[in-house]
PDB file of N, CA and C in Angstrom:
ATOM      1  N   MET A   1       8.408  13.629 -20.183  1.00  0.00           N
ATOM      2  CA  MET A   1       8.857  12.301 -20.578  1.00  0.00           C
ATOM      3  C   MET A   1      10.359  12.176 -20.316  1.00  0.00           C
ATOM      4  N   ASN A   2      10.736  11.094 -19.719  1.00  0.00           N
ATOM      5  CA  ASN A   2      12.131  10.847 -19.385  1.00  0.00           C
ATOM      6  C   ASN A   2      12.873  10.366 -20.642  1.00  0.00           C
ATOM      7  N   PHE A   3      13.817  11.171 -21.107  1.00  0.00           N
ATOM      8  CA  PHE A   3      14.539  10.834 -22.339  1.00  0.00           C
ATOM      9  C   PHE A   3      15.285   9.509 -22.229  1.00  0.00           C
ATOM     10  N   GLU A   4      15.718   9.149 -21.027  1.00  0.00           N
ATOM     11  CA  GLU A   4      16.493   7.929 -20.844  1.00  0.00           C
ATOM     12  C   GLU A   4      15.685   6.664 -21.122  1.00  0.00           C
ATOM     13  N   ARG A   5      14.375   6.785 -21.185  1.00  0.00           N
ATOM     14  CA  ARG A   5      13.509   5.640 -21.491  1.00  0.00           C
ATOM     15  C   ARG A   5      13.229   5.511 -22.982  1.00  0.00           C
ATOM     16  N   LEU A   6      13.596   6.530 -23.751  1.00  0.00           N
ATOM     17  CA  LEU A   6      13.320   6.528 -25.189  1.00  0.00           C
ATOM     18  C   LEU A   6      14.314   5.648 -25.932  1.00  0.00           C
ATOM     19  N   LEU A   7      13.794   4.716 -26.720  1.00  0.00           N
ATOM     20  CA  LEU A   7      14.658   3.841 -27.516  1.00  0.00           C
ATOM     21  C   LEU A   7      15.506   4.653 -28.484  1.00  0.00           C
ATOM     22  N   VAL A   8      14.951   5.707 -29.056  1.00  0.00           N
ATOM     23  CA  VAL A   8      15.710   6.536 -30.005  1.00  0.00           C
ATOM     24  C   VAL A   8      16.917   7.180 -29.315  1.00  0.00           C
ATOM     25  N   TRP A   9      16.762   7.588 -28.072  1.00  0.00           N
ATOM     26  CA  TRP A   9      17.891   8.171 -27.338  1.00  0.00           C
ATOM     27  C   TRP A   9      18.940   7.090 -27.054  1.00  0.00           C
ATOM     28  N   LYS A  10      18.483   5.915 -26.610  1.00  0.00           N
ATOM     29  CA  LYS A  10      19.411   4.828 -26.303  1.00  0.00           C
ATOM     30  C   LYS A  10      20.213   4.420 -27.534  1.00  0.00           C
ATOM     31  N   ARG A  11      19.537   4.273 -28.660  1.00  0.00           N
ATOM     32  CA  ARG A  11      20.225   3.853 -29.887  1.00  0.00           C
ATOM     33  C   ARG A  11      21.190   4.917 -30.377  1.00  0.00           C
ATOM     34  N   SER A  12      20.787   6.169 -30.324  1.00  0.00           N
ATOM     35  CA  SER A  12      21.684   7.232 -30.796  1.00  0.00           C
ATOM     36  C   SER A  12      22.874   7.412 -29.859  1.00  0.00           C
ATOM     37  N   ALA A  13      22.680   7.193 -28.570  1.00  0.00           N
ATOM     38  CA  ALA A  13      23.801   7.279 -27.621  1.00  0.00           C
ATOM     39  C   ALA A  13      24.794   6.138 -27.869  1.00  0.00           C
ATOM     40  N   ARG A  14      24.273   4.941 -28.141  1.00  0.00           N
ATOM     41  CA  ARG A  14      25.161   3.803 -28.462  1.00  0.00           C
ATOM     42  C   ARG A  14      25.926   4.058 -29.755  1.00  0.00           C
ATOM     43  N   LEU A  15      25.243   4.626 -30.748  1.00  0.00           N
ATOM     44  CA  LEU A  15      25.908   4.951 -32.012  1.00  0.00           C
ATOM     45  C   LEU A  15      27.024   5.955 -31.775  1.00  0.00           C
ATOM     46  N   SER A  16      26.755   6.968 -30.985  1.00  0.00           N
ATOM     47  CA  SER A  16      27.776   7.972 -30.687  1.00  0.00           C
ATOM     48  C   SER A  16      28.992   7.337 -30.007  1.00  0.00           C
ATOM     49  N   ALA A  17      28.749   6.468 -29.041  1.00  0.00           N
ATOM     50  CA  ALA A  17      29.855   5.792 -28.356  1.00  0.00           C
ATOM     51  C   ALA A  17      30.642   4.923 -29.330  1.00  0.00           C
ATOM     52  N   ASP A  18      29.939   4.254 -30.246  1.00  0.00           N
ATOM     53  CA  ASP A  18      30.611   3.411 -31.238  1.00  0.00           C
ATOM     54  C   ASP A  18      31.477   4.251 -32.175  1.00  0.00           C
ATOM     55  N   LEU A  19      30.994   5.417 -32.553  1.00  0.00           N
ATOM     56  CA  LEU A  19      31.793   6.323 -33.392  1.00  0.00           C
ATOM     57  C   LEU A  19      33.099   6.678 -32.684  1.00  0.00           C
ATOM     58  N   TYR A  20      32.992   7.092 -31.429  1.00  0.00           N
ATOM     59  CA  TYR A  20      34.186   7.469 -30.661  1.00  0.00           C
ATOM     60  C   TYR A  20      35.155   6.299 -30.551  1.00  0.00           C
ATOM     61  N   GLN A  21      34.642   5.122 -30.215  1.00  0.00           N
ATOM     62  CA  GLN A  21      35.520   3.967 -30.029  1.00  0.00           C
ATOM     63  C   GLN A  21      36.182   3.539 -31.334  1.00  0.00           C
ATOM     64  N   THR A  22      35.417   3.515 -32.395  1.00  0.00           N
ATOM     65  CA  THR A  22      35.940   3.042 -33.673  1.00  0.00           C
ATOM     66  C   THR A  22      36.956   3.999 -34.273  1.00  0.00           C
ATOM     67  N   LEU A  23      36.711   5.284 -34.110  1.00  0.00           N
ATOM     68  CA  LEU A  23      37.563   6.290 -34.764  1.00  0.00           C
ATOM     69  C   LEU A  23      38.632   6.885 -33.848  1.00  0.00           C
ATOM     70  N   ARG A  24      38.806   6.332 -32.669  1.00  0.00           N
ATOM     71  CA  ARG A  24      39.734   6.940 -31.699  1.00  0.00           C
ATOM     72  C   ARG A  24      41.186   7.009 -32.186  1.00  0.00           C
ATOM     73  N   GLU A  25      41.574   6.127 -33.092  1.00  0.00           N
ATOM     74  CA  GLU A  25      42.946   6.127 -33.604  1.00  0.00           C
ATOM     75  C   GLU A  25      43.111   6.933 -34.894  1.00  0.00           C
ATOM     76  N   LEU A  26      42.028   7.449 -35.431  1.00  0.00           N
ATOM     77  CA  LEU A  26      42.094   8.209 -36.678  1.00  0.00           C
ATOM     78  C   LEU A  26      42.923   9.471 -36.470  1.00  0.00           C
ATOM     79  N   ARG A  27      43.920   9.676 -37.332  1.00  0.00           N
ATOM     80  CA  ARG A  27      44.840  10.798 -37.170  1.00  0.00           C
ATOM     81  C   ARG A  27      44.341  12.098 -37.802  1.00  0.00           C
ATOM     82  N   ASP A  28      43.316  12.023 -38.629  1.00  0.00           N
ATOM     83  CA  ASP A  28      42.736  13.246 -39.189  1.00  0.00           C
ATOM     84  C   ASP A  28      41.798  13.813 -38.125  1.00  0.00           C
ATOM     85  N   PHE A  29      42.382  14.658 -37.264  1.00  0.00           N
ATOM     86  CA  PHE A  29      41.658  15.149 -36.103  1.00  0.00           C
ATOM     87  C   PHE A  29      40.446  15.990 -36.490  1.00  0.00           C
ATOM     88  N   GLY A  30      40.547  16.742 -37.587  1.00  0.00           N
ATOM     89  CA  GLY A  30      39.430  17.556 -38.047  1.00  0.00           C
ATOM     90  C   GLY A  30      38.234  16.694 -38.411  1.00  0.00           C
ATOM     91  N   PHE A  31      38.455  15.669 -39.194  1.00  0.00           N
ATOM     92  CA  PHE A  31      37.374  14.776 -39.594  1.00  0.00           C
ATOM     93  C   PHE A  31      36.828  14.038 -38.375  1.00  0.00           C
ATOM     94  N   ARG A  32      37.714  13.500 -37.564  1.00  0.00           N
ATOM     95  CA  ARG A  32      37.286  12.746 -36.384  1.00  0.00           C
ATOM     96  C   ARG A  32      36.451  13.629 -35.449  1.00  0.00           C
ATOM     97  N   ASP A  33      36.894  14.857 -35.261  1.00  0.00           N
ATOM     98  CA  ASP A  33      36.162  15.781 -34.400  1.00  0.00           C
ATOM     99  C   ASP A  33      34.779  16.068 -34.969  1.00  0.00           C
ATOM    100  N   GLN A  34      34.713  16.318 -36.264  1.00  0.00           N
ATOM    101  CA  GLN A  34      33.430  16.660 -36.887  1.00  0.00           C
ATOM    102  C   GLN A  34      32.432  15.504 -36.835  1.00  0.00           C
ATOM    103  N   ILE A  35      32.862  14.307 -37.163  1.00  0.00           N
ATOM    104  CA  ILE A  35      31.942  13.169 -37.195  1.00  0.00           C
ATOM    105  C   ILE A  35      31.513  12.771 -35.780  1.00  0.00           C
ATOM    106  N   THR A  36      32.421  12.846 -34.820  1.00  0.00           N
ATOM    107  CA  THR A  36      32.020  12.498 -33.453  1.00  0.00           C
ATOM    108  C   THR A  36      31.125  13.578 -32.854  1.00  0.00           C
ATOM    109  N   ARG A  37      31.347  14.834 -33.219  1.00  0.00           N
ATOM    110  CA  ARG A  37      30.474  15.908 -32.725  1.00  0.00           C
ATOM    111  C   ARG A  37      29.060  15.775 -33.276  1.00  0.00           C
ATOM    112  N   SER A  38      28.927  15.486 -34.556  1.00  0.00           N
ATOM    113  CA  SER A  38      27.577  15.346 -35.105  1.00  0.00           C
ATOM    114  C   SER A  38      26.894  14.121 -34.497  1.00  0.00           C
ATOM    115  N   GLY A  39      27.646  13.049 -34.283  1.00  0.00           N
ATOM    116  CA  GLY A  39      27.078  11.875 -33.635  1.00  0.00           C
ATOM    117  C   GLY A  39      26.650  12.147 -32.205  1.00  0.00           C
ATOM    118  N   LEU A  40      27.436  12.905 -31.479  1.00  0.00           N
ATOM    119  CA  LEU A  40      27.128  13.258 -30.097  1.00  0.00           C
ATOM    120  C   LEU A  40      25.937  14.212 -30.017  1.00  0.00           C
ATOM    121  N   SER A  41      25.769  15.012 -31.040  1.00  0.00           N
ATOM    122  CA  SER A  41      24.683  15.987 -31.070  1.00  0.00           C
ATOM    123  C   SER A  41      23.308  15.330 -31.086  1.00  0.00           C
ATOM    124  N   VAL A  42      23.190  14.162 -31.678  1.00  0.00           N
ATOM    125  CA  VAL A  42      21.875  13.519 -31.806  1.00  0.00           C
ATOM    126  C   VAL A  42      21.289  13.179 -30.424  1.00  0.00           C
ATOM    127  N   PRO A  43      21.931  12.334 -29.612  1.00  0.00           N
ATOM    128  CA  PRO A  43      21.334  12.032 -28.306  1.00  0.00           C
ATOM    129  C   PRO A  43      21.303  13.242 -27.373  1.00  0.00           C
ATOM    130  N   SER A  44      22.263  14.137 -27.533  1.00  0.00           N
ATOM    131  CA  SER A  44      22.291  15.327 -26.677  1.00  0.00           C
ATOM    132  C   SER A  44      21.082  16.219 -26.926  1.00  0.00           C
ATOM    133  N   ASN A  45      20.726  16.406 -28.188  1.00  0.00           N
ATOM    134  CA  ASN A  45      19.566  17.232 -28.509  1.00  0.00           C
ATOM    135  C   ASN A  45      18.255  16.538 -28.151  1.00  0.00           C
ATOM    136  N   ILE A  46      18.213  15.215 -28.263  1.00  0.00           N
ATOM    137  CA  ILE A  46      17.027  14.488 -27.805  1.00  0.00           C
ATOM    138  C   ILE A  46      16.848  14.716 -26.306  1.00  0.00           C
ATOM    139  N   ALA A  47      17.922  14.560 -25.556  1.00  0.00           N
ATOM    140  CA  ALA A  47      17.861  14.750 -24.102  1.00  0.00           C
ATOM    141  C   ALA A  47      17.446  16.176 -23.751  1.00  0.00           C
ATOM    142  N   GLU A  48      18.064  17.145 -24.406  1.00  0.00           N
ATOM    143  CA  GLU A  48      17.722  18.532 -24.096  1.00  0.00           C
ATOM    144  C   GLU A  48      16.276  18.829 -24.449  1.00  0.00           C
ATOM    145  N   GLY A  49      15.850  18.377 -25.625  1.00  0.00           N
ATOM    146  CA  GLY A  49      14.482  18.647 -26.047  1.00  0.00           C
ATOM    147  C   GLY A  49      13.447  18.023 -25.143  1.00  0.00           C
ATOM    148  N   MET A  50      13.646  16.767 -24.802  1.00  0.00           N
ATOM    149  CA  MET A  50      12.653  16.079 -23.979  1.00  0.00           C
ATOM    150  C   MET A  50      12.638  16.594 -22.542  1.00  0.00           C
ATOM    151  N   SER A  51      13.657  17.363 -22.175  1.00  0.00           N
ATOM    152  CA  SER A  51      13.708  17.962 -20.847  1.00  0.00           C
ATOM    153  C   SER A  51      13.070  19.351 -20.817  1.00  0.00           C
ATOM    154  N   ARG A  52      12.688  19.859 -21.967  1.00  0.00           N
ATOM    155  CA  ARG A  52      12.047  21.172 -22.055  1.00  0.00           C
ATOM    156  C   ARG A  52      10.572  21.076 -21.672  1.00  0.00           C
ATOM    157  N   ALA A  53      10.028  22.212 -21.261  1.00  0.00           N
ATOM    158  CA  ALA A  53       8.653  22.240 -20.751  1.00  0.00           C
ATOM    159  C   ALA A  53       7.600  22.297 -21.851  1.00  0.00           C
ATOM    160  N   THR A  54       7.898  22.977 -22.933  1.00  0.00           N
ATOM    161  CA  THR A  54       6.857  23.168 -23.949  1.00  0.00           C
ATOM    162  C   THR A  54       7.026  22.205 -25.124  1.00  0.00           C
ATOM    163  N   ARG A  55       5.904  21.897 -25.746  1.00  0.00           N
ATOM    164  CA  ARG A  55       5.916  21.033 -26.930  1.00  0.00           C
ATOM    165  C   ARG A  55       6.735  21.670 -28.052  1.00  0.00           C
ATOM    166  N   LYS A  56       6.625  22.981 -28.201  1.00  0.00           N
ATOM    167  CA  LYS A  56       7.375  23.698 -29.245  1.00  0.00           C
ATOM    168  C   LYS A  56       8.881  23.531 -29.038  1.00  0.00           C
ATOM    169  N   ASP A  57       9.346  23.678 -27.804  1.00  0.00           N
ATOM    170  CA  ASP A  57      10.778  23.503 -27.513  1.00  0.00           C
ATOM    171  C   ASP A  57      11.220  22.055 -27.743  1.00  0.00           C
ATOM    172  N   LYS A  58      10.400  21.114 -27.287  1.00  0.00           N
ATOM    173  CA  LYS A  58      10.724  19.696 -27.503  1.00  0.00           C
ATOM    174  C   LYS A  58      10.896  19.435 -28.999  1.00  0.00           C
ATOM    175  N   ARG A  59       9.931  19.890 -29.775  1.00  0.00           N
ATOM    176  CA  ARG A  59       9.941  19.678 -31.219  1.00  0.00           C
ATOM    177  C   ARG A  59      11.183  20.279 -31.860  1.00  0.00           C
ATOM    178  N   HIS A  60      11.521  21.503 -31.454  1.00  0.00           N
ATOM    179  CA  HIS A  60      12.690  22.189 -32.019  1.00  0.00           C
ATOM    180  C   HIS A  60      13.954  21.348 -31.848  1.00  0.00           C
ATOM    181  N   PHE A  61      14.183  20.844 -30.652  1.00  0.00           N
ATOM    182  CA  PHE A  61      15.408  20.076 -30.408  1.00  0.00           C
ATOM    183  C   PHE A  61      15.392  18.726 -31.111  1.00  0.00           C
ATOM    184  N   LEU A  62      14.215  18.137 -31.281  1.00  0.00           N
ATOM    185  CA  LEU A  62      14.129  16.888 -32.033  1.00  0.00           C
ATOM    186  C   LEU A  62      14.422  17.122 -33.513  1.00  0.00           C
ATOM    187  N   VAL A  63      13.990  18.256 -34.037  1.00  0.00           N
ATOM    188  CA  VAL A  63      14.303  18.607 -35.427  1.00  0.00           C
ATOM    189  C   VAL A  63      15.813  18.828 -35.574  1.00  0.00           C
ATOM    190  N   VAL A  64      16.430  19.476 -34.599  1.00  0.00           N
ATOM    191  CA  VAL A  64      17.885  19.673 -34.626  1.00  0.00           C
ATOM    192  C   VAL A  64      18.586  18.314 -34.572  1.00  0.00           C
ATOM    193  N   ALA A  65      18.114  17.408 -33.730  1.00  0.00           N
ATOM    194  CA  ALA A  65      18.708  16.068 -33.634  1.00  0.00           C
ATOM    195  C   ALA A  65      18.609  15.347 -34.977  1.00  0.00           C
ATOM    196  N   ARG A  66      17.469  15.483 -35.630  1.00  0.00           N
ATOM    197  CA  ARG A  66      17.294  14.838 -36.935  1.00  0.00           C
ATOM    198  C   ARG A  66      18.255  15.444 -37.969  1.00  0.00           C
ATOM    199  N   GLY A  67      18.451  16.751 -37.914  1.00  0.00           N
ATOM    200  CA  GLY A  67      19.421  17.391 -38.810  1.00  0.00           C
ATOM    201  C   GLY A  67      20.834  16.903 -38.546  1.00  0.00           C
ATOM    202  N   SER A  68      21.187  16.745 -37.287  1.00  0.00           N
ATOM    203  CA  SER A  68      22.509  16.221 -36.938  1.00  0.00           C
ATOM    204  C   SER A  68      22.676  14.797 -37.429  1.00  0.00           C
ATOM    205  N   CYS A  69      21.603  14.033 -37.420  1.00  0.00           N
ATOM    206  CA  CYS A  69      21.641  12.654 -37.922  1.00  0.00           C
ATOM    207  C   CYS A  69      21.936  12.654 -39.428  1.00  0.00           C
ATOM    208  N   ALA A  70      21.334  13.591 -40.166  1.00  0.00           N
ATOM    209  CA  ALA A  70      21.601  13.708 -41.607  1.00  0.00           C
ATOM    210  C   ALA A  70      23.045  14.157 -41.843  1.00  0.00           C
ATOM    211  N   GLU A  71      23.520  15.068 -41.011  1.00  0.00           N
ATOM    212  CA  GLU A  71      24.919  15.509 -41.105  1.00  0.00           C
ATOM    213  C   GLU A  71      25.854  14.333 -40.871  1.00  0.00           C
ATOM    214  N   LEU A  72      25.560  13.545 -39.856  1.00  0.00           N
ATOM    215  CA  LEU A  72      26.374  12.370 -39.552  1.00  0.00           C
ATOM    216  C   LEU A  72      26.369  11.391 -40.723  1.00  0.00           C
ATOM    217  N   ARG A  73      25.209  11.158 -41.311  1.00  0.00           N
ATOM    218  CA  ARG A  73      25.125  10.229 -42.440  1.00  0.00           C
ATOM    219  C   ARG A  73      26.018  10.701 -43.583  1.00  0.00           C
ATOM    220  N   THR A  74      26.005  11.998 -43.854  1.00  0.00           N
ATOM    221  CA  THR A  74      26.857  12.569 -44.901  1.00  0.00           C
ATOM    222  C   THR A  74      28.327  12.317 -44.605  1.00  0.00           C
ATOM    223  N   GLN A  75      28.727  12.517 -43.364  1.00  0.00           N
ATOM    224  CA  GLN A  75      30.126  12.320 -42.981  1.00  0.00           C
ATOM    225  C   GLN A  75      30.523  10.854 -43.053  1.00  0.00           C
ATOM    226  N   ILE A  76      29.592   9.964 -42.765  1.00  0.00           N
ATOM    227  CA  ILE A  76      29.881   8.533 -42.901  1.00  0.00           C
ATOM    228  C   ILE A  76      30.133   8.191 -44.364  1.00  0.00           C
ATOM    229  N   TYR A  77      29.270   8.688 -45.253  1.00  0.00           N
ATOM    230  CA  TYR A  77      29.484   8.445 -46.681  1.00  0.00           C
ATOM    231  C   TYR A  77      30.862   8.935 -47.120  1.00  0.00           C
ATOM    232  N   ILE A  78      31.230  10.132 -46.705  1.00  0.00           N
ATOM    233  CA  ILE A  78      32.529  10.696 -47.079  1.00  0.00           C
ATOM    234  C   ILE A  78      33.657   9.874 -46.462  1.00  0.00           C
ATOM    235  N   GLY A  79      33.504   9.495 -45.195  1.00  0.00           N
ATOM    236  CA  GLY A  79      34.514   8.675 -44.531  1.00  0.00           C
ATOM    237  C   GLY A  79      34.728   7.350 -45.228  1.00  0.00           C
ATOM    238  N   MET A  80      33.654   6.754 -45.725  1.00  0.00           N
ATOM    239  CA  MET A  80      33.774   5.500 -46.474  1.00  0.00           C
ATOM    240  C   MET A  80      34.491   5.742 -47.799  1.00  0.00           C
ATOM    241  N   GLU A  81      34.154   6.819 -48.453  1.00  0.00           N
ATOM    242  CA  GLU A  81      34.734   7.132 -49.762  1.00  0.00           C
ATOM    243  C   GLU A  81      36.244   7.361 -49.681  1.00  0.00           C
ATOM    244  N   ILE A  82      36.689   7.999 -48.595  1.00  0.00           N
ATOM    245  CA  ILE A  82      38.112   8.322 -48.483  1.00  0.00           C
ATOM    246  C   ILE A  82      38.901   7.281 -47.685  1.00  0.00           C
ATOM    247  N   GLY A  83      38.229   6.221 -47.277  1.00  0.00           N
ATOM    248  CA  GLY A  83      38.927   5.132 -46.605  1.00  0.00           C
ATOM    249  C   GLY A  83      39.104   5.293 -45.106  1.00  0.00           C
ATOM    250  N   TYR A  84      38.434   6.249 -44.494  1.00  0.00           N
ATOM    251  CA  TYR A  84      38.521   6.416 -43.040  1.00  0.00           C
ATOM    252  C   TYR A  84      37.565   5.479 -42.303  1.00  0.00           C
ATOM    253  N   VAL A  85      36.488   5.087 -42.969  1.00  0.00           N
ATOM    254  CA  VAL A  85      35.475   4.240 -42.358  1.00  0.00           C
ATOM    255  C   VAL A  85      35.369   2.961 -43.197  1.00  0.00           C
ATOM    256  N   ALA A  86      35.543   1.819 -42.542  1.00  0.00           N
ATOM    257  CA  ALA A  86      35.418   0.527 -43.228  1.00  0.00           C
ATOM    258  C   ALA A  86      34.014   0.404 -43.815  1.00  0.00           C
ATOM    259  N   GLN A  87      33.939  -0.221 -44.993  1.00  0.00           N
ATOM    260  CA  GLN A  87      32.656  -0.326 -45.697  1.00  0.00           C
ATOM    261  C   GLN A  87      31.577  -1.013 -44.851  1.00  0.00           C
ATOM    262  N   ASP A  88      31.917  -2.113 -44.202  1.00  0.00           N
ATOM    263  CA  ASP A  88      30.900  -2.823 -43.406  1.00  0.00           C
ATOM    264  C   ASP A  88      30.435  -1.995 -42.215  1.00  0.00           C
ATOM    265  N   LYS A  89      31.367  -1.340 -41.551  1.00  0.00           N
ATOM    266  CA  LYS A  89      31.019  -0.491 -40.413  1.00  0.00           C
ATOM    267  C   LYS A  89      30.217   0.710 -40.894  1.00  0.00           C
ATOM    268  N   GLY A  90      30.611   1.270 -42.011  1.00  0.00           N
ATOM    269  CA  GLY A  90      29.886   2.414 -42.568  1.00  0.00           C
ATOM    270  C   GLY A  90      28.451   2.051 -42.908  1.00  0.00           C
ATOM    271  N   ARG A  91      28.254   0.901 -43.540  1.00  0.00           N
ATOM    272  CA  ARG A  91      26.885   0.463 -43.872  1.00  0.00           C
ATOM    273  C   ARG A  91      26.053   0.270 -42.603  1.00  0.00           C
ATOM    274  N   GLU A  92      26.662  -0.269 -41.582  1.00  0.00           N
ATOM    275  CA  GLU A  92      25.974  -0.454 -40.291  1.00  0.00           C
ATOM    276  C   GLU A  92      25.547   0.897 -39.728  1.00  0.00           C
ATOM    277  N   TRP A  93      26.485   1.848 -39.723  1.00  0.00           N
ATOM    278  CA  TRP A  93      26.167   3.188 -39.203  1.00  0.00           C
ATOM    279  C   TRP A  93      25.123   3.898 -40.051  1.00  0.00           C
ATOM    280  N   LEU A  94      25.215   3.752 -41.371  1.00  0.00           N
ATOM    281  CA  LEU A  94      24.225   4.387 -42.246  1.00  0.00           C
ATOM    282  C   LEU A  94      22.828   3.858 -41.948  1.00  0.00           C
ATOM    283  N   GLN A  95      22.711   2.549 -41.793  1.00  0.00           N
ATOM    284  CA  GLN A  95      21.403   1.965 -41.477  1.00  0.00           C
ATOM    285  C   GLN A  95      20.897   2.470 -40.136  1.00  0.00           C
ATOM    286  N   GLU A  96      21.777   2.553 -39.179  1.00  0.00           N
ATOM    287  CA  GLU A  96      21.367   3.037 -37.849  1.00  0.00           C
ATOM    288  C   GLU A  96      20.924   4.494 -37.921  1.00  0.00           C
ATOM    289  N   THR A  97      21.620   5.329 -38.685  1.00  0.00           N
ATOM    290  CA  THR A  97      21.196   6.732 -38.796  1.00  0.00           C
ATOM    291  C   THR A  97      19.848   6.839 -39.496  1.00  0.00           C
ATOM    292  N   ARG A  98      19.590   5.991 -40.470  1.00  0.00           N
ATOM    293  CA  ARG A  98      18.271   5.994 -41.140  1.00  0.00           C
ATOM    294  C   ARG A  98      17.162   5.633 -40.150  1.00  0.00           C
ATOM    295  N   GLU A  99      17.421   4.610 -39.347  1.00  0.00           N
ATOM    296  CA  GLU A  99      16.410   4.171 -38.390  1.00  0.00           C
ATOM    297  C   GLU A  99      16.199   5.197 -37.284  1.00  0.00           C
ATOM    298  N   VAL A 100      17.279   5.790 -36.782  1.00  0.00           N
ATOM    299  CA  VAL A 100      17.158   6.836 -35.766  1.00  0.00           C
ATOM    300  C   VAL A 100      16.396   8.028 -36.335  1.00  0.00           C
ATOM    301  N   SER A 101      16.713   8.417 -37.554  1.00  0.00           N
ATOM    302  CA  SER A 101      16.027   9.534 -38.195  1.00  0.00           C
ATOM    303  C   SER A 101      14.529   9.255 -38.333  1.00  0.00           C
ATOM    304  N   SER A 102      14.191   8.043 -38.707  1.00  0.00           N
ATOM    305  CA  SER A 102      12.788   7.658 -38.830  1.00  0.00           C
ATOM    306  C   SER A 102      12.086   7.690 -37.469  1.00  0.00           C
ATOM    307  N   MET A 103      12.771   7.221 -36.454  1.00  0.00           N
ATOM    308  CA  MET A 103      12.207   7.260 -35.104  1.00  0.00           C
ATOM    309  C   MET A 103      11.987   8.699 -34.646  1.00  0.00           C
ATOM    310  N   LEU A 104      12.932   9.565 -34.970  1.00  0.00           N
ATOM    311  CA  LEU A 104      12.778  10.982 -34.622  1.00  0.00           C
ATOM    312  C   LEU A 104      11.593  11.598 -35.356  1.00  0.00           C
ATOM    313  N   ALA A 105      11.432  11.258 -36.625  1.00  0.00           N
ATOM    314  CA  ALA A 105      10.293  11.767 -37.393  1.00  0.00           C
ATOM    315  C   ALA A 105       8.980  11.330 -36.746  1.00  0.00           C
ATOM    316  N   GLY A 106       8.926  10.088 -36.297  1.00  0.00           N
ATOM    317  CA  GLY A 106       7.734   9.601 -35.618  1.00  0.00           C
ATOM    318  C   GLY A 106       7.466  10.325 -34.314  1.00  0.00           C
ATOM    319  N   LEU A 107       8.513  10.593 -33.565  1.00  0.00           N
ATOM    320  CA  LEU A 107       8.367  11.316 -32.302  1.00  0.00           C
ATOM    321  C   LEU A 107       7.907  12.755 -32.550  1.00  0.00           C
ATOM    322  N   ILE A 108       8.442  13.375 -33.588  1.00  0.00           N
ATOM    323  CA  ILE A 108       8.022  14.732 -33.953  1.00  0.00           C
ATOM    324  C   ILE A 108       6.543  14.734 -34.338  1.00  0.00           C
ATOM    325  N   THR A 109       6.137  13.757 -35.125  1.00  0.00           N
ATOM    326  CA  THR A 109       4.728  13.650 -35.533  1.00  0.00           C
ATOM    327  C   THR A 109       3.830  13.454 -34.316  1.00  0.00           C
ATOM    328  N   THR A 110       4.262  12.631 -33.358  1.00  0.00           N
ATOM    329  CA  THR A 110       3.493  12.423 -32.136  1.00  0.00           C
ATOM    330  C   THR A 110       3.321  13.739 -31.385  1.00  0.00           C
ATOM    331  N   LEU A 111       4.386  14.519 -31.294  1.00  0.00           N
ATOM    332  CA  LEU A 111       4.290  15.823 -30.619  1.00  0.00           C
ATOM    333  C   LEU A 111       3.340  16.747 -31.362  1.00  0.00           C
ATOM    334  N   ASP A 112       3.406  16.716 -32.686  1.00  0.00           N
ATOM    335  CA  ASP A 112       2.535  17.575 -33.498  1.00  0.00           C
ATOM    336  C   ASP A 112       1.063  17.230 -33.311  1.00  0.00           C
ATOM    337  N   ASN A 113       0.780  15.973 -32.991  1.00  0.00           N
ATOM    338  CA  ASN A 113      -0.615  15.523 -32.871  1.00  0.00           C
ATOM    339  C   ASN A 113      -1.153  15.578 -31.445  1.00  0.00           C
ATOM    340  N   GLU A 114      -0.341  16.044 -30.515  1.00  0.00           N
ATOM    341  CA  GLU A 114      -0.804  16.123 -29.119  1.00  0.00           C
ATOM    342  C   GLU A 114      -1.736  17.296 -28.927  1.00  0.00           C
TER     343      GLU A 114
END
């Protein structure tokens, strides 16, 4: 399956790009690096997993992507709490991570049922 056709990959890649663009001026380099890395990890692991030959490998990378999505959600909450992430933007990102995570869960279930 071509990962580039997956809506979950497209949405997570857009989210990652939005994180980079929105936080590019943030001077806390440690926080900025961590949140952008976890955001980048989601579409990257989807791409890597869907490019693997076995169902087991595909599943593993999708589970890692889902974990990175949870990590990202945690960092968004913290960023909002400390004033690094605007409340409206944070709520938007939180909703997107919930939806991406749900889509990943569905894709994992589909693989499990093949």
